[in-house]
Amino acid sequence: MKELTVFVYPGCPYCAQARKIFDKLFSDGGYSDIKLTFIDETEHPEISDKYDYNACPSIYYGDKKIYEAKPLRPESKAEKMIKQALDSVEQMEE
């Protein structure tokens, strides 16, 4: 199973938007070979400090960043970008 690390920040509207998108994309049983691990960067700075990102949410596959939020991106665009990131991970060799 492939595991993605998703860095989030409490109260962040983009992180809430991403969780909603993940729920939607995973609800139909799609992406069953991908596990999501959410890391609250305020609770685990010792983990988040090891990664190079400027905005939340940011998604990593291992140490490779595959998505970083862009402020003011409409939800439909964010969903498309997250779906593309998930699809790219599904196609990667383990």
N, C-alpha and C. Protein backbone atom coordinates (compact mmCIF):
# COMPACT_ATOMS: atom_id res chain seq x y z
N MET A 1 0.85 -1.18 0.00
CA MET A 1 0.00 0.00 0.00
C MET A 1 0.90 1.24 0.00
N LYS A 2 0.54 2.20 -0.79
CA LYS A 2 1.26 3.46 -0.86
C LYS A 2 0.73 4.40 0.22
N GLU A 3 1.65 5.12 0.85
CA GLU A 3 1.23 6.03 1.92
C GLU A 3 1.63 7.45 1.57
N LEU A 4 0.66 8.34 1.73
CA LEU A 4 0.90 9.76 1.54
C LEU A 4 0.84 10.47 2.88
N THR A 5 1.73 11.43 3.06
CA THR A 5 1.73 12.27 4.25
C THR A 5 1.15 13.61 3.86
N VAL A 6 0.13 14.04 4.59
CA VAL A 6 -0.54 15.30 4.31
C VAL A 6 -0.33 16.21 5.51
N PHE A 7 0.40 17.31 5.28
CA PHE A 7 0.64 18.28 6.34
C PHE A 7 -0.50 19.29 6.36
N VAL A 8 -1.08 19.48 7.54
CA VAL A 8 -2.22 20.38 7.71
C VAL A 8 -1.96 21.32 8.88
N TYR A 9 -2.75 22.39 8.91
CA TYR A 9 -2.65 23.40 9.96
C TYR A 9 -4.05 23.65 10.50
N PRO A 10 -4.21 23.65 11.83
CA PRO A 10 -5.54 23.84 12.41
C PRO A 10 -6.16 25.18 12.00
N GLY A 11 -7.41 25.15 11.65
CA GLY A 11 -8.14 26.35 11.27
C GLY A 11 -7.89 26.82 9.85
N CYS A 12 -7.03 26.13 9.13
CA CYS A 12 -6.71 26.51 7.75
C CYS A 12 -7.88 26.15 6.82
N PRO A 13 -8.44 27.12 6.11
CA PRO A 13 -9.56 26.81 5.23
C PRO A 13 -9.16 25.92 4.05
N TYR A 14 -7.90 26.01 3.62
CA TYR A 14 -7.44 25.18 2.51
C TYR A 14 -7.26 23.73 2.95
N CYS A 15 -6.86 23.54 4.20
CA CYS A 15 -6.74 22.19 4.75
C CYS A 15 -8.13 21.56 4.90
N ALA A 16 -9.09 22.34 5.36
CA ALA A 16 -10.47 21.85 5.47
C ALA A 16 -11.00 21.50 4.09
N GLN A 17 -10.70 22.34 3.11
CA GLN A 17 -11.12 22.08 1.73
C GLN A 17 -10.49 20.77 1.23
N ALA A 18 -9.21 20.57 1.52
CA ALA A 18 -8.53 19.34 1.07
C ALA A 18 -9.15 18.11 1.72
N ARG A 19 -9.45 18.18 3.01
CA ARG A 19 -10.09 17.03 3.68
C ARG A 19 -11.42 16.70 3.02
N LYS A 20 -12.17 17.72 2.68
CA LYS A 20 -13.45 17.52 1.99
C LYS A 20 -13.23 16.84 0.63
N ILE A 21 -12.22 17.28 -0.07
CA ILE A 21 -11.89 16.69 -1.38
C ILE A 21 -11.45 15.24 -1.21
N PHE A 22 -10.59 14.98 -0.22
CA PHE A 22 -10.16 13.59 0.02
C PHE A 22 -11.36 12.71 0.33
N ASP A 23 -12.25 13.19 1.21
CA ASP A 23 -13.45 12.41 1.54
C ASP A 23 -14.25 12.08 0.28
N LYS A 24 -14.41 13.06 -0.58
CA LYS A 24 -15.16 12.86 -1.82
C LYS A 24 -14.46 11.85 -2.73
N LEU A 25 -13.16 12.01 -2.92
CA LEU A 25 -12.43 11.14 -3.84
C LEU A 25 -12.29 9.70 -3.33
N PHE A 26 -12.20 9.54 -2.00
CA PHE A 26 -12.02 8.21 -1.42
C PHE A 26 -13.35 7.52 -1.10
N SER A 27 -14.46 8.26 -1.10
CA SER A 27 -15.75 7.70 -0.68
C SER A 27 -16.27 6.61 -1.60
N ASP A 28 -15.92 6.66 -2.86
CA ASP A 28 -16.43 5.65 -3.79
C ASP A 28 -15.55 4.42 -3.87
N GLY A 29 -14.57 4.30 -2.95
CA GLY A 29 -13.69 3.15 -2.96
C GLY A 29 -12.49 3.33 -3.87
N GLY A 30 -12.42 4.47 -4.53
CA GLY A 30 -11.27 4.75 -5.36
C GLY A 30 -10.03 4.96 -4.50
N TYR A 31 -8.89 4.77 -5.09
CA TYR A 31 -7.62 4.96 -4.41
C TYR A 31 -7.46 4.03 -3.20
N SER A 32 -7.96 2.80 -3.33
CA SER A 32 -7.90 1.85 -2.22
C SER A 32 -6.47 1.42 -1.91
N ASP A 33 -5.54 1.68 -2.83
CA ASP A 33 -4.15 1.30 -2.57
C ASP A 33 -3.33 2.46 -2.01
N ILE A 34 -4.01 3.52 -1.58
CA ILE A 34 -3.33 4.68 -1.01
C ILE A 34 -3.84 4.93 0.41
N LYS A 35 -2.90 5.07 1.33
CA LYS A 35 -3.23 5.40 2.73
C LYS A 35 -2.81 6.85 2.97
N LEU A 36 -3.67 7.61 3.61
CA LEU A 36 -3.37 9.00 3.95
C LEU A 36 -3.02 9.10 5.43
N THR A 37 -1.95 9.80 5.73
CA THR A 37 -1.59 10.11 7.11
C THR A 37 -1.54 11.62 7.23
N PHE A 38 -2.42 12.17 8.06
CA PHE A 38 -2.48 13.60 8.26
C PHE A 38 -1.59 13.98 9.45
N ILE A 39 -0.75 14.98 9.24
CA ILE A 39 0.14 15.47 10.29
C ILE A 39 -0.19 16.93 10.55
N ASP A 40 -0.61 17.22 11.78
CA ASP A 40 -0.85 18.60 12.21
C ASP A 40 0.52 19.20 12.50
N GLU A 41 0.92 20.19 11.71
CA GLU A 41 2.27 20.71 11.85
C GLU A 41 2.50 21.43 13.18
N THR A 42 1.43 21.85 13.86
CA THR A 42 1.60 22.49 15.16
C THR A 42 1.81 21.46 16.27
N GLU A 43 1.28 20.26 16.08
CA GLU A 43 1.45 19.20 17.08
C GLU A 43 2.73 18.41 16.86
N HIS A 44 3.23 18.39 15.63
CA HIS A 44 4.41 17.59 15.31
C HIS A 44 5.44 18.38 14.51
N PRO A 45 5.95 19.48 15.09
CA PRO A 45 6.94 20.27 14.36
C PRO A 45 8.22 19.49 14.08
N GLU A 46 8.52 18.49 14.92
CA GLU A 46 9.72 17.69 14.71
C GLU A 46 9.64 16.89 13.41
N ILE A 47 8.42 16.62 12.95
CA ILE A 47 8.23 15.93 11.67
C ILE A 47 8.15 16.94 10.55
N SER A 48 7.29 17.94 10.70
CA SER A 48 7.07 18.90 9.61
C SER A 48 8.33 19.69 9.28
N ASP A 49 9.21 19.92 10.27
CA ASP A 49 10.43 20.67 10.00
C ASP A 49 11.40 19.93 9.07
N LYS A 50 11.19 18.64 8.90
CA LYS A 50 12.05 17.85 8.02
C LYS A 50 11.65 17.96 6.55
N TYR A 51 10.53 18.60 6.27
CA TYR A 51 10.01 18.71 4.91
C TYR A 51 10.06 20.16 4.45
N ASP A 52 10.22 20.34 3.15
CA ASP A 52 10.34 21.68 2.57
C ASP A 52 9.03 22.07 1.88
N TYR A 53 8.21 22.82 2.59
CA TYR A 53 6.97 23.32 2.01
C TYR A 53 6.67 24.68 2.62
N ASN A 54 5.87 25.47 1.91
CA ASN A 54 5.56 26.82 2.35
C ASN A 54 4.10 27.02 2.69
N ALA A 55 3.23 26.08 2.32
CA ALA A 55 1.80 26.24 2.55
C ALA A 55 1.17 24.89 2.86
N CYS A 56 0.07 24.96 3.58
CA CYS A 56 -0.71 23.76 3.88
C CYS A 56 -2.02 23.85 3.13
N PRO A 57 -2.57 22.72 2.73
CA PRO A 57 -1.99 21.40 2.88
C PRO A 57 -0.88 21.16 1.86
N SER A 58 0.07 20.33 2.26
CA SER A 58 1.10 19.84 1.36
C SER A 58 1.10 18.33 1.46
N ILE A 59 1.25 17.68 0.31
CA ILE A 59 1.17 16.22 0.25
C ILE A 59 2.51 15.67 -0.22
N TYR A 60 2.99 14.66 0.51
CA TYR A 60 4.25 14.00 0.17
C TYR A 60 4.04 12.52 -0.03
N TYR A 61 4.75 11.99 -1.01
CA TYR A 61 4.89 10.54 -1.20
C TYR A 61 6.34 10.24 -0.88
N GLY A 62 6.58 9.64 0.29
CA GLY A 62 7.95 9.51 0.77
C GLY A 62 8.49 10.90 1.02
N ASP A 63 9.62 11.22 0.39
CA ASP A 63 10.18 12.57 0.56
C ASP A 63 9.93 13.45 -0.65
N LYS A 64 9.07 13.00 -1.56
CA LYS A 64 8.76 13.76 -2.77
C LYS A 64 7.45 14.54 -2.59
N LYS A 65 7.53 15.86 -2.73
CA LYS A 65 6.32 16.68 -2.63
C LYS A 65 5.53 16.52 -3.92
N ILE A 66 4.25 16.16 -3.80
CA ILE A 66 3.42 15.98 -4.99
C ILE A 66 2.30 17.01 -5.08
N TYR A 67 2.11 17.78 -4.01
CA TYR A 67 1.08 18.82 -4.03
C TYR A 67 1.37 19.82 -2.92
N GLU A 68 1.21 21.10 -3.24
CA GLU A 68 1.26 22.15 -2.24
C GLU A 68 0.16 23.14 -2.56
N ALA A 69 -0.62 23.49 -1.55
CA ALA A 69 -1.75 24.39 -1.73
C ALA A 69 -1.29 25.73 -2.27
N LYS A 70 -2.14 26.31 -3.07
CA LYS A 70 -1.94 27.67 -3.56
C LYS A 70 -3.11 28.50 -3.05
N PRO A 71 -2.82 29.59 -2.36
CA PRO A 71 -3.91 30.42 -1.83
C PRO A 71 -4.87 30.89 -2.93
N LEU A 72 -6.11 31.00 -2.55
CA LEU A 72 -7.18 31.50 -3.41
C LEU A 72 -7.48 30.61 -4.61
N ARG A 73 -7.04 29.37 -4.58
CA ARG A 73 -7.39 28.43 -5.64
C ARG A 73 -8.83 27.98 -5.43
N PRO A 74 -9.67 28.06 -6.46
CA PRO A 74 -11.05 27.59 -6.28
C PRO A 74 -11.08 26.09 -5.98
N GLU A 75 -12.12 25.68 -5.26
CA GLU A 75 -12.21 24.28 -4.86
C GLU A 75 -12.15 23.33 -6.04
N SER A 76 -12.78 23.66 -7.15
CA SER A 76 -12.77 22.77 -8.32
C SER A 76 -11.35 22.58 -8.85
N LYS A 77 -10.55 23.63 -8.83
CA LYS A 77 -9.16 23.55 -9.28
C LYS A 77 -8.33 22.74 -8.29
N ALA A 78 -8.55 22.95 -7.01
CA ALA A 78 -7.84 22.19 -5.98
C ALA A 78 -8.17 20.71 -6.10
N GLU A 79 -9.45 20.38 -6.32
CA GLU A 79 -9.84 18.98 -6.48
C GLU A 79 -9.13 18.36 -7.67
N LYS A 80 -9.09 19.07 -8.78
CA LYS A 80 -8.42 18.56 -9.98
C LYS A 80 -6.93 18.31 -9.69
N MET A 81 -6.27 19.23 -9.01
CA MET A 81 -4.85 19.10 -8.72
C MET A 81 -4.58 17.94 -7.75
N ILE A 82 -5.41 17.79 -6.72
CA ILE A 82 -5.25 16.69 -5.78
C ILE A 82 -5.49 15.36 -6.48
N LYS A 83 -6.51 15.29 -7.32
CA LYS A 83 -6.78 14.06 -8.07
C LYS A 83 -5.59 13.72 -8.96
N GLN A 84 -5.01 14.69 -9.63
CA GLN A 84 -3.84 14.43 -10.46
C GLN A 84 -2.68 13.90 -9.62
N ALA A 85 -2.49 14.46 -8.43
CA ALA A 85 -1.43 13.99 -7.54
C ALA A 85 -1.68 12.54 -7.13
N LEU A 86 -2.91 12.21 -6.76
CA LEU A 86 -3.25 10.84 -6.37
C LEU A 86 -3.06 9.88 -7.54
N ASP A 87 -3.48 10.29 -8.72
CA ASP A 87 -3.33 9.45 -9.91
C ASP A 87 -1.85 9.20 -10.21
N SER A 88 -1.02 10.21 -10.02
CA SER A 88 0.41 10.03 -10.31
C SER A 88 1.03 9.04 -9.33
N VAL A 89 0.59 9.06 -8.06
CA VAL A 89 1.10 8.13 -7.07
C VAL A 89 0.65 6.71 -7.40
N GLU A 90 -0.59 6.55 -7.84
CA GLU A 90 -1.08 5.22 -8.19
C GLU A 90 -0.24 4.59 -9.29
N GLN A 91 0.32 5.40 -10.17
CA GLN A 91 1.08 4.89 -11.29
C GLN A 91 2.56 4.64 -10.95
N MET A 92 3.01 5.10 -9.79
CA MET A 92 4.40 4.92 -9.38
C MET A 92 4.66 3.49 -8.95
N GLU A 93 5.87 3.04 -9.20
CA GLU A 93 6.30 1.73 -8.71
C GLU A 93 6.56 1.84 -7.21
N GLU A 94 6.31 0.76 -6.50
CA GLU A 94 6.62 0.77 -5.06
C GLU A 94 8.04 0.32 -4.86
